[in-house]
Amino acid sequence: MVPALMHALPIVGVPLAILLVPAVIAAFKSFGMNQEYERAVLFRLGRLGEAKGPGWFWLIPFIDRVVKVDLRTVTRVLDTQETVTRDGVPVKVNAVLWFRAKDATLVTTTVQDWGNAVIQAAETAMRDAIGQSDLDQLLKDRILINQRLQDMLARACDHWGVVVDSIEMKDLDIPEQMQRAIGREAEAVREKRARIIKAEGEKEAAQTLADAAATIGGTPGALEMRRLQTLTEIGVEHNSTIIAMMPVELIEAAKRIAEK
């Protein structure tokens, strides 16, 4: 009887092993886990269910399926775009893009490969924004161009459940001939500014001298005091040159005699 029992045990063990393997697989498929930055979109028999948050969650084996979405901010360097500005200048521009998934359900159900879709939309929006701007705006109003670009991209990605945190143009390359022309223009502007400043200085100096002359001419004895002050300044410098200055009264008297 004992040998017969030993022969029966392997026969019974085979069906138990066959049943145990699917049970273990089902047990592993009956739960899932999300990190704090992840969300799991549940599909039950192909129909959309409730999105699962961070931590443990239960599933119906072989019936439920989940798609995990990472909510962290994604950083991408966009490819260099060759385009033409509104005033007809060819430029090469690249940019850096920061975006993240806001709604895991929309990201999963409305767009396929949402990360690549956002990048393609960003490159298209960048070309459109540059085409609507002049070269001077690209060089001087970089913040305004970035804001316009972000607004255009946000409108395109909002219905995908994606938030565009920021997009900034990184490098702007223009033809060498245009660089030389900009350099000459900047040099001419600076030279013009220098000449205007010099002319304004000479005008102010002439006006000051005219005011001083009018003040001295209208005050008796003022010119004589100025003459004595000049002689004092010359003496301080230990100058060997001797300057003889005629009194103003003699000059005035000579003028009156000549008029008679």
C-alpha atoms as a PDB file:
ATOM      1  CA  MET A   1       0.000   0.000   0.000  1.00  0.00           C
ATOM      2  CA  VAL A   2       2.860   2.387   0.757  1.00  0.00           C
ATOM      3  CA  PRO A   3       4.433   2.003  -2.682  1.00  0.00           C
ATOM      4  CA  ALA A   4       1.061   2.695  -4.275  1.00  0.00           C
ATOM      5  CA  LEU A   5       0.688   5.912  -2.235  1.00  0.00           C
ATOM      6  CA  MET A   6       4.144   7.088  -3.288  1.00  0.00           C
ATOM      7  CA  HIS A   7       3.220   6.569  -6.888  1.00  0.00           C
ATOM      8  CA  ALA A   8      -0.026   8.568  -6.402  1.00  0.00           C
ATOM      9  CA  LEU A   9       1.622  11.679  -4.872  1.00  0.00           C
ATOM     10  CA  PRO A  10       3.375  12.853  -8.082  1.00  0.00           C
ATOM     11  CA  ILE A  11       0.146  12.409  -9.962  1.00  0.00           C
ATOM     12  CA  VAL A  12      -1.706  14.626  -7.481  1.00  0.00           C
ATOM     13  CA  GLY A  13       1.122  17.213  -7.348  1.00  0.00           C
ATOM     14  CA  VAL A  14       1.004  17.988 -11.053  1.00  0.00           C
ATOM     15  CA  PRO A  15      -2.553  19.416 -10.998  1.00  0.00           C
ATOM     16  CA  LEU A  16      -1.725  21.385  -7.843  1.00  0.00           C
ATOM     17  CA  ALA A  17       1.294  22.979  -9.536  1.00  0.00           C
ATOM     18  CA  ILE A  18      -0.804  23.822 -12.584  1.00  0.00           C
ATOM     19  CA  LEU A  19      -3.338  25.592 -10.374  1.00  0.00           C
ATOM     20  CA  LEU A  20      -0.730  27.277  -8.175  1.00  0.00           C
ATOM     21  CA  VAL A  21       1.142  29.076 -10.977  1.00  0.00           C
ATOM     22  CA  PRO A  22      -1.902  31.035 -12.270  1.00  0.00           C
ATOM     23  CA  ALA A  23      -2.880  31.831  -8.685  1.00  0.00           C
ATOM     24  CA  VAL A  24       0.542  33.357  -8.001  1.00  0.00           C
ATOM     25  CA  ILE A  25       0.408  35.350 -11.247  1.00  0.00           C
ATOM     26  CA  ALA A  26      -3.089  36.587 -10.411  1.00  0.00           C
ATOM     27  CA  ALA A  27      -1.949  37.596  -6.941  1.00  0.00           C
ATOM     28  CA  PHE A  28       0.844  39.732  -8.405  1.00  0.00           C
ATOM     29  CA  LYS A  29      -1.557  41.324 -10.889  1.00  0.00           C
ATOM     30  CA  SER A  30      -4.157  42.130  -8.221  1.00  0.00           C
ATOM     31  CA  PHE A  31      -2.324  45.192  -6.918  1.00  0.00           C
ATOM     32  CA  GLY A  32      -0.117  48.011  -8.190  1.00  0.00           C
ATOM     33  CA  MET A  33       1.931  50.840  -6.740  1.00  0.00           C
ATOM     34  CA  ASN A  34       2.567  54.431  -7.822  1.00  0.00           C
ATOM     35  CA  GLN A  35       5.355  56.724  -6.748  1.00  0.00           C
ATOM     36  CA  GLU A  36       4.461  60.171  -5.399  1.00  0.00           C
ATOM     37  CA  TYR A  37       5.052  61.738  -8.831  1.00  0.00           C
ATOM     38  CA  GLU A  38       3.062  59.095 -10.770  1.00  0.00           C
ATOM     39  CA  ARG A  39      -0.597  58.590 -11.643  1.00  0.00           C
ATOM     40  CA  ALA A  40      -2.128  55.396 -13.052  1.00  0.00           C
ATOM     41  CA  VAL A  41      -5.008  55.651 -15.535  1.00  0.00           C
ATOM     42  CA  LEU A  42      -7.261  52.601 -15.121  1.00  0.00           C
ATOM     43  CA  PHE A  43      -8.922  50.808 -18.031  1.00  0.00           C
ATOM     44  CA  ARG A  44     -11.457  48.078 -17.145  1.00  0.00           C
ATOM     45  CA  LEU A  45     -12.302  45.875 -20.109  1.00  0.00           C
ATOM     46  CA  GLY A  46     -11.181  48.720 -22.358  1.00  0.00           C
ATOM     47  CA  ARG A  47     -13.319  51.387 -20.685  1.00  0.00           C
ATOM     48  CA  LEU A  48     -11.814  54.345 -18.891  1.00  0.00           C
ATOM     49  CA  GLY A  49     -11.933  54.127 -15.109  1.00  0.00           C
ATOM     50  CA  GLU A  50     -10.725  56.239 -12.219  1.00  0.00           C
ATOM     51  CA  ALA A  51      -7.132  57.466 -12.135  1.00  0.00           C
ATOM     52  CA  LYS A  52      -5.139  56.052  -9.231  1.00  0.00           C
ATOM     53  CA  GLY A  53      -2.962  58.289  -7.071  1.00  0.00           C
ATOM     54  CA  PRO A  54       0.325  57.553  -5.310  1.00  0.00           C
ATOM     55  CA  GLY A  55       0.654  54.448  -3.133  1.00  0.00           C
ATOM     56  CA  TRP A  56      -0.952  50.995  -3.349  1.00  0.00           C
ATOM     57  CA  PHE A  57      -4.090  50.262  -5.360  1.00  0.00           C
ATOM     58  CA  TRP A  58      -6.034  47.081  -6.166  1.00  0.00           C
ATOM     59  CA  LEU A  59      -6.784  45.632  -9.593  1.00  0.00           C
ATOM     60  CA  ILE A  60      -8.969  42.900 -10.985  1.00  0.00           C
ATOM     61  CA  PRO A  61      -6.519  40.432 -12.551  1.00  0.00           C
ATOM     62  CA  PHE A  62      -6.719  40.007 -16.326  1.00  0.00           C
ATOM     63  CA  ILE A  63      -9.555  42.583 -16.489  1.00  0.00           C
ATOM     64  CA  ASP A  64      -7.988  45.867 -15.386  1.00  0.00           C
ATOM     65  CA  ARG A  65      -5.115  47.547 -17.208  1.00  0.00           C
ATOM     66  CA  VAL A  66      -3.262  50.682 -16.093  1.00  0.00           C
ATOM     67  CA  VAL A  67      -1.182  53.278 -17.933  1.00  0.00           C
ATOM     68  CA  LYS A  68       1.241  55.192 -15.722  1.00  0.00           C
ATOM     69  CA  VAL A  69       1.934  58.883 -16.315  1.00  0.00           C
ATOM     70  CA  ASP A  70       4.898  60.789 -14.864  1.00  0.00           C
ATOM     71  CA  LEU A  71       3.866  64.230 -13.556  1.00  0.00           C
ATOM     72  CA  ARG A  72       7.383  65.619 -13.144  1.00  0.00           C
ATOM     73  CA  THR A  73       8.582  68.541 -15.254  1.00  0.00           C
ATOM     74  CA  VAL A  74      10.285  67.487 -18.481  1.00  0.00           C
ATOM     75  CA  THR A  75      13.153  69.531 -19.952  1.00  0.00           C
ATOM     76  CA  ARG A  76      13.851  69.381 -23.678  1.00  0.00           C
ATOM     77  CA  VAL A  77      16.248  71.288 -25.924  1.00  0.00           C
ATOM     78  CA  LEU A  78      14.456  71.972 -29.202  1.00  0.00           C
ATOM     79  CA  ASP A  79      16.213  71.406 -32.499  1.00  0.00           C
ATOM     80  CA  THR A  80      17.615  74.444 -34.275  1.00  0.00           C
ATOM     81  CA  GLN A  81      14.991  75.997 -36.523  1.00  0.00           C
ATOM     82  CA  GLU A  82      15.919  77.850 -39.712  1.00  0.00           C
ATOM     83  CA  THR A  83      13.294  80.443 -40.535  1.00  0.00           C
ATOM     84  CA  VAL A  84      12.829  84.020 -41.762  1.00  0.00           C
ATOM     85  CA  THR A  85      11.784  87.029 -39.701  1.00  0.00           C
ATOM     86  CA  ARG A  86       8.996  89.382 -40.702  1.00  0.00           C
ATOM     87  CA  ASP A  87      11.496  91.794 -42.281  1.00  0.00           C
ATOM     88  CA  GLY A  88      13.062  89.033 -44.395  1.00  0.00           C
ATOM     89  CA  VAL A  89      16.204  88.178 -42.399  1.00  0.00           C
ATOM     90  CA  PRO A  90      17.102  84.450 -42.263  1.00  0.00           C
ATOM     91  CA  VAL A  91      17.895  83.294 -38.730  1.00  0.00           C
ATOM     92  CA  LYS A  92      18.674  80.077 -36.855  1.00  0.00           C
ATOM     93  CA  VAL A  93      17.063  79.745 -33.441  1.00  0.00           C
ATOM     94  CA  ASN A  94      16.927  77.034 -30.798  1.00  0.00           C
ATOM     95  CA  ALA A  95      15.144  77.038 -27.459  1.00  0.00           C
ATOM     96  CA  VAL A  96      14.696  75.157 -24.177  1.00  0.00           C
ATOM     97  CA  LEU A  97      11.253  73.874 -23.202  1.00  0.00           C
ATOM     98  CA  TRP A  98       9.900  72.929 -19.759  1.00  0.00           C
ATOM     99  CA  PHE A  99       6.538  71.134 -19.619  1.00  0.00           C
ATOM    100  CA  ARG A 100       4.644  68.599 -17.490  1.00  0.00           C
ATOM    101  CA  ALA A 101       1.479  66.511 -17.498  1.00  0.00           C
ATOM    102  CA  LYS A 102      -1.366  68.136 -15.562  1.00  0.00           C
ATOM    103  CA  ASP A 103      -4.210  65.687 -16.209  1.00  0.00           C
ATOM    104  CA  ALA A 104      -3.100  62.061 -16.514  1.00  0.00           C
ATOM    105  CA  THR A 105      -6.433  60.994 -18.017  1.00  0.00           C
ATOM    106  CA  LEU A 106      -6.327  63.558 -20.831  1.00  0.00           C
ATOM    107  CA  VAL A 107      -2.663  62.850 -21.529  1.00  0.00           C
ATOM    108  CA  THR A 108      -3.458  59.162 -21.955  1.00  0.00           C
ATOM    109  CA  THR A 109      -6.733  59.352 -23.882  1.00  0.00           C
ATOM    110  CA  THR A 110      -6.386  62.417 -26.133  1.00  0.00           C
ATOM    111  CA  VAL A 111      -2.882  62.161 -27.609  1.00  0.00           C
ATOM    112  CA  GLN A 112      -0.457  59.412 -28.524  1.00  0.00           C
ATOM    113  CA  ASP A 113       3.139  59.950 -27.371  1.00  0.00           C
ATOM    114  CA  TRP A 114       2.287  63.223 -25.660  1.00  0.00           C
ATOM    115  CA  GLY A 115       5.905  64.213 -25.022  1.00  0.00           C
ATOM    116  CA  ASN A 116       6.809  64.133 -28.719  1.00  0.00           C
ATOM    117  CA  ALA A 117       3.554  65.923 -29.572  1.00  0.00           C
ATOM    118  CA  VAL A 118       4.423  68.820 -27.249  1.00  0.00           C
ATOM    119  CA  ILE A 119       7.920  69.129 -28.731  1.00  0.00           C
ATOM    120  CA  GLN A 120       6.560  69.215 -32.295  1.00  0.00           C
ATOM    121  CA  ALA A 121       4.010  71.843 -31.292  1.00  0.00           C
ATOM    122  CA  ALA A 122       6.749  73.908 -29.633  1.00  0.00           C
ATOM    123  CA  GLU A 123       8.942  73.866 -32.735  1.00  0.00           C
ATOM    124  CA  THR A 124       5.998  74.912 -34.909  1.00  0.00           C
ATOM    125  CA  ALA A 125       5.030  77.704 -32.505  1.00  0.00           C
ATOM    126  CA  MET A 126       8.632  78.941 -32.422  1.00  0.00           C
ATOM    127  CA  ARG A 127       8.725  79.237 -36.201  1.00  0.00           C
ATOM    128  CA  ASP A 128       5.399  81.112 -36.190  1.00  0.00           C
ATOM    129  CA  ALA A 129       6.519  83.504 -33.428  1.00  0.00           C
ATOM    130  CA  ILE A 130       9.759  84.345 -35.261  1.00  0.00           C
ATOM    131  CA  GLY A 131       7.906  84.865 -38.528  1.00  0.00           C
ATOM    132  CA  GLN A 132       5.684  87.440 -36.805  1.00  0.00           C
ATOM    133  CA  SER A 133       8.619  89.405 -35.346  1.00  0.00           C
ATOM    134  CA  ASP A 134      11.265  91.735 -36.767  1.00  0.00           C
ATOM    135  CA  LEU A 135      14.971  91.158 -36.246  1.00  0.00           C
ATOM    136  CA  ASP A 136      15.209  94.123 -33.868  1.00  0.00           C
ATOM    137  CA  GLN A 137      12.471  92.599 -31.699  1.00  0.00           C
ATOM    138  CA  LEU A 138      14.314  89.286 -31.562  1.00  0.00           C
ATOM    139  CA  LEU A 139      17.505  91.056 -30.460  1.00  0.00           C
ATOM    140  CA  LYS A 140      16.004  93.536 -27.996  1.00  0.00           C
ATOM    141  CA  ASP A 141      12.646  92.137 -26.791  1.00  0.00           C
ATOM    142  CA  ARG A 142      13.607  88.534 -26.065  1.00  0.00           C
ATOM    143  CA  ILE A 143      11.344  88.373 -22.997  1.00  0.00           C
ATOM    144  CA  LEU A 144       8.318  89.533 -25.014  1.00  0.00           C
ATOM    145  CA  ILE A 145       8.991  86.961 -27.744  1.00  0.00           C
ATOM    146  CA  ASN A 146       9.319  84.184 -25.147  1.00  0.00           C
ATOM    147  CA  GLN A 147       6.004  85.182 -23.565  1.00  0.00           C
ATOM    148  CA  ARG A 148       4.262  85.221 -26.942  1.00  0.00           C
ATOM    149  CA  LEU A 149       5.743  81.826 -27.748  1.00  0.00           C
ATOM    150  CA  GLN A 150       4.598  80.375 -24.418  1.00  0.00           C
ATOM    151  CA  ASP A 151       1.050  81.680 -24.923  1.00  0.00           C
ATOM    152  CA  MET A 152       0.837  80.123 -28.378  1.00  0.00           C
ATOM    153  CA  LEU A 153       2.119  76.792 -27.097  1.00  0.00           C
ATOM    154  CA  ALA A 154      -0.148  76.817 -24.023  1.00  0.00           C
ATOM    155  CA  ARG A 155      -3.250  77.157 -26.198  1.00  0.00           C
ATOM    156  CA  ALA A 156      -2.136  74.196 -28.313  1.00  0.00           C
ATOM    157  CA  CYS A 157      -1.339  71.892 -25.361  1.00  0.00           C
ATOM    158  CA  ASP A 158      -4.134  72.766 -22.946  1.00  0.00           C
ATOM    159  CA  HIS A 159      -6.649  70.260 -24.383  1.00  0.00           C
ATOM    160  CA  TRP A 160      -3.988  67.526 -24.085  1.00  0.00           C
ATOM    161  CA  GLY A 161      -3.790  67.990 -20.330  1.00  0.00           C
ATOM    162  CA  VAL A 162      -0.235  69.390 -20.548  1.00  0.00           C
ATOM    163  CA  VAL A 163       1.086  72.534 -18.826  1.00  0.00           C
ATOM    164  CA  VAL A 164       3.928  74.512 -20.421  1.00  0.00           C
ATOM    165  CA  ASP A 165       5.956  75.966 -17.551  1.00  0.00           C
ATOM    166  CA  SER A 166       8.349  77.963 -19.707  1.00  0.00           C
ATOM    167  CA  ILE A 167      10.004  78.172 -23.093  1.00  0.00           C
ATOM    168  CA  GLU A 168      13.023  80.389 -23.743  1.00  0.00           C
ATOM    169  CA  MET A 169      15.049  81.033 -26.852  1.00  0.00           C
ATOM    170  CA  LYS A 170      18.626  79.973 -26.205  1.00  0.00           C
ATOM    171  CA  ASP A 171      20.722  80.944 -29.240  1.00  0.00           C
ATOM    172  CA  LEU A 172      20.039  83.270 -32.161  1.00  0.00           C
ATOM    173  CA  ASP A 173      22.334  83.046 -35.186  1.00  0.00           C
ATOM    174  CA  ILE A 174      22.130  85.591 -37.999  1.00  0.00           C
ATOM    175  CA  PRO A 175      24.162  85.834 -41.239  1.00  0.00           C
ATOM    176  CA  GLU A 176      27.649  87.325 -41.006  1.00  0.00           C
ATOM    177  CA  GLN A 177      26.765  90.173 -43.401  1.00  0.00           C
ATOM    178  CA  MET A 178      23.882  91.152 -41.141  1.00  0.00           C
ATOM    179  CA  GLN A 179      26.169  91.062 -38.108  1.00  0.00           C
ATOM    180  CA  ARG A 180      28.538  93.525 -39.800  1.00  0.00           C
ATOM    181  CA  ALA A 181      25.620  95.763 -40.776  1.00  0.00           C
ATOM    182  CA  ILE A 182      24.346  95.768 -37.178  1.00  0.00           C
ATOM    183  CA  GLY A 183      27.848  96.619 -35.977  1.00  0.00           C
ATOM    184  CA  ARG A 184      28.080  99.562 -38.382  1.00  0.00           C
ATOM    185  CA  GLU A 185      24.640 100.763 -37.336  1.00  0.00           C
ATOM    186  CA  ALA A 186      25.573 100.600 -33.655  1.00  0.00           C
ATOM    187  CA  GLU A 187      28.824 102.493 -34.349  1.00  0.00           C
ATOM    188  CA  ALA A 188      26.941 105.210 -36.257  1.00  0.00           C
ATOM    189  CA  VAL A 189      24.413 105.570 -33.447  1.00  0.00           C
ATOM    190  CA  ARG A 190      27.182 105.961 -30.877  1.00  0.00           C
ATOM    191  CA  GLU A 191      29.015 108.525 -33.022  1.00  0.00           C
ATOM    192  CA  LYS A 192      25.796 110.487 -33.466  1.00  0.00           C
ATOM    193  CA  ARG A 193      25.197 110.431 -29.727  1.00  0.00           C
ATOM    194  CA  ALA A 194      28.762 111.614 -29.044  1.00  0.00           C
ATOM    195  CA  ARG A 195      28.435 114.547 -31.467  1.00  0.00           C
ATOM    196  CA  ILE A 196      25.096 115.583 -29.983  1.00  0.00           C
ATOM    197  CA  ILE A 197      26.528 115.494 -26.467  1.00  0.00           C
ATOM    198  CA  LYS A 198      29.553 117.559 -27.561  1.00  0.00           C
ATOM    199  CA  ALA A 199      27.348 120.129 -29.326  1.00  0.00           C
ATOM    200  CA  GLU A 200      25.065 120.395 -26.311  1.00  0.00           C
ATOM    201  CA  GLY A 201      28.136 120.946 -24.087  1.00  0.00           C
ATOM    202  CA  GLU A 202      29.436 123.716 -26.345  1.00  0.00           C
ATOM    203  CA  LYS A 203      26.003 125.326 -26.423  1.00  0.00           C
ATOM    204  CA  GLU A 204      25.765 125.298 -22.646  1.00  0.00           C
ATOM    205  CA  ALA A 205      29.299 126.691 -22.335  1.00  0.00           C
ATOM    206  CA  ALA A 206      28.540 129.514 -24.777  1.00  0.00           C
ATOM    207  CA  GLN A 207      25.317 130.326 -22.940  1.00  0.00           C
ATOM    208  CA  THR A 208      27.183 130.426 -19.629  1.00  0.00           C
ATOM    209  CA  LEU A 209      29.863 132.743 -21.067  1.00  0.00           C
ATOM    210  CA  ALA A 210      27.176 135.025 -22.514  1.00  0.00           C
ATOM    211  CA  ASP A 211      25.434 135.189 -19.154  1.00  0.00           C
ATOM    212  CA  ALA A 212      28.736 135.956 -17.425  1.00  0.00           C
ATOM    213  CA  ALA A 213      29.573 138.692 -19.935  1.00  0.00           C
ATOM    214  CA  ALA A 214      26.139 140.243 -19.492  1.00  0.00           C
ATOM    215  CA  THR A 215      26.545 140.194 -15.717  1.00  0.00           C
ATOM    216  CA  ILE A 216      30.020 141.740 -15.834  1.00  0.00           C
ATOM    217  CA  GLY A 217      28.958 144.351 -18.371  1.00  0.00           C
ATOM    218  CA  GLY A 218      26.007 145.439 -16.298  1.00  0.00           C
ATOM    219  CA  THR A 219      27.965 145.784 -13.049  1.00  0.00           C
ATOM    220  CA  PRO A 220      30.377 148.768 -12.704  1.00  0.00           C
ATOM    221  CA  GLY A 221      33.835 147.693 -11.639  1.00  0.00           C
ATOM    222  CA  ALA A 222      33.170 143.978 -12.202  1.00  0.00           C
ATOM    223  CA  LEU A 223      35.564 143.785 -15.165  1.00  0.00           C
ATOM    224  CA  GLU A 224      38.285 145.531 -13.164  1.00  0.00           C
ATOM    225  CA  MET A 225      37.865 143.018 -10.334  1.00  0.00           C
ATOM    226  CA  ARG A 226      38.137 140.213 -12.837  1.00  0.00           C
ATOM    227  CA  ARG A 227      41.334 141.734 -14.230  1.00  0.00           C
ATOM    228  CA  LEU A 228      42.910 141.928 -10.780  1.00  0.00           C
ATOM    229  CA  GLN A 229      41.916 138.339 -10.042  1.00  0.00           C
ATOM    230  CA  THR A 230      43.581 137.204 -13.264  1.00  0.00           C
ATOM    231  CA  LEU A 231      46.796 138.984 -12.308  1.00  0.00           C
ATOM    232  CA  THR A 232      46.699 137.273  -8.919  1.00  0.00           C
ATOM    233  CA  GLU A 233      46.321 133.847 -10.513  1.00  0.00           C
ATOM    234  CA  ILE A 234      49.243 134.505 -12.837  1.00  0.00           C
ATOM    235  CA  GLY A 235      51.443 135.501  -9.900  1.00  0.00           C
ATOM    236  CA  VAL A 236      50.691 132.303  -7.998  1.00  0.00           C
ATOM    237  CA  GLU A 237      52.081 130.157 -10.849  1.00  0.00           C
ATOM    238  CA  HIS A 238      55.537 131.897 -10.609  1.00  0.00           C
ATOM    239  CA  ASN A 239      55.295 132.856 -14.246  1.00  0.00           C
ATOM    240  CA  SER A 240      58.057 135.072 -15.669  1.00  0.00           C
ATOM    241  CA  THR A 241      55.752 136.515 -18.302  1.00  0.00           C
ATOM    242  CA  ILE A 242      54.649 140.068 -17.605  1.00  0.00           C
ATOM    243  CA  ILE A 243      51.227 141.067 -18.790  1.00  0.00           C
ATOM    244  CA  ALA A 244      50.183 144.704 -18.792  1.00  0.00           C
ATOM    245  CA  MET A 245      46.444 145.199 -18.822  1.00  0.00           C
ATOM    246  CA  MET A 246      44.860 148.555 -19.470  1.00  0.00           C
ATOM    247  CA  PRO A 247      42.094 149.638 -17.134  1.00  0.00           C
ATOM    248  CA  VAL A 248      38.623 149.383 -18.503  1.00  0.00           C
ATOM    249  CA  GLU A 249      37.980 153.067 -17.804  1.00  0.00           C
ATOM    250  CA  LEU A 250      40.688 154.085 -20.265  1.00  0.00           C
ATOM    251  CA  ILE A 251      39.171 151.865 -22.950  1.00  0.00           C
ATOM    252  CA  GLU A 252      35.727 153.355 -22.381  1.00  0.00           C
ATOM    253  CA  ALA A 253      37.112 156.894 -22.471  1.00  0.00           C
ATOM    254  CA  ALA A 254      38.905 156.145 -25.751  1.00  0.00           C
ATOM    255  CA  LYS A 255      35.652 154.865 -27.205  1.00  0.00           C
ATOM    256  CA  ARG A 256      33.788 158.055 -26.231  1.00  0.00           C
ATOM    257  CA  ILE A 257      36.498 160.244 -27.711  1.00  0.00           C
ATOM    258  CA  ALA A 258      36.396 158.249 -30.944  1.00  0.00           C
ATOM    259  CA  GLU A 259      32.627 158.580 -31.161  1.00  0.00           C
ATOM    260  CA  LYS A 260      32.879 162.382 -30.886  1.00  0.00           C
END
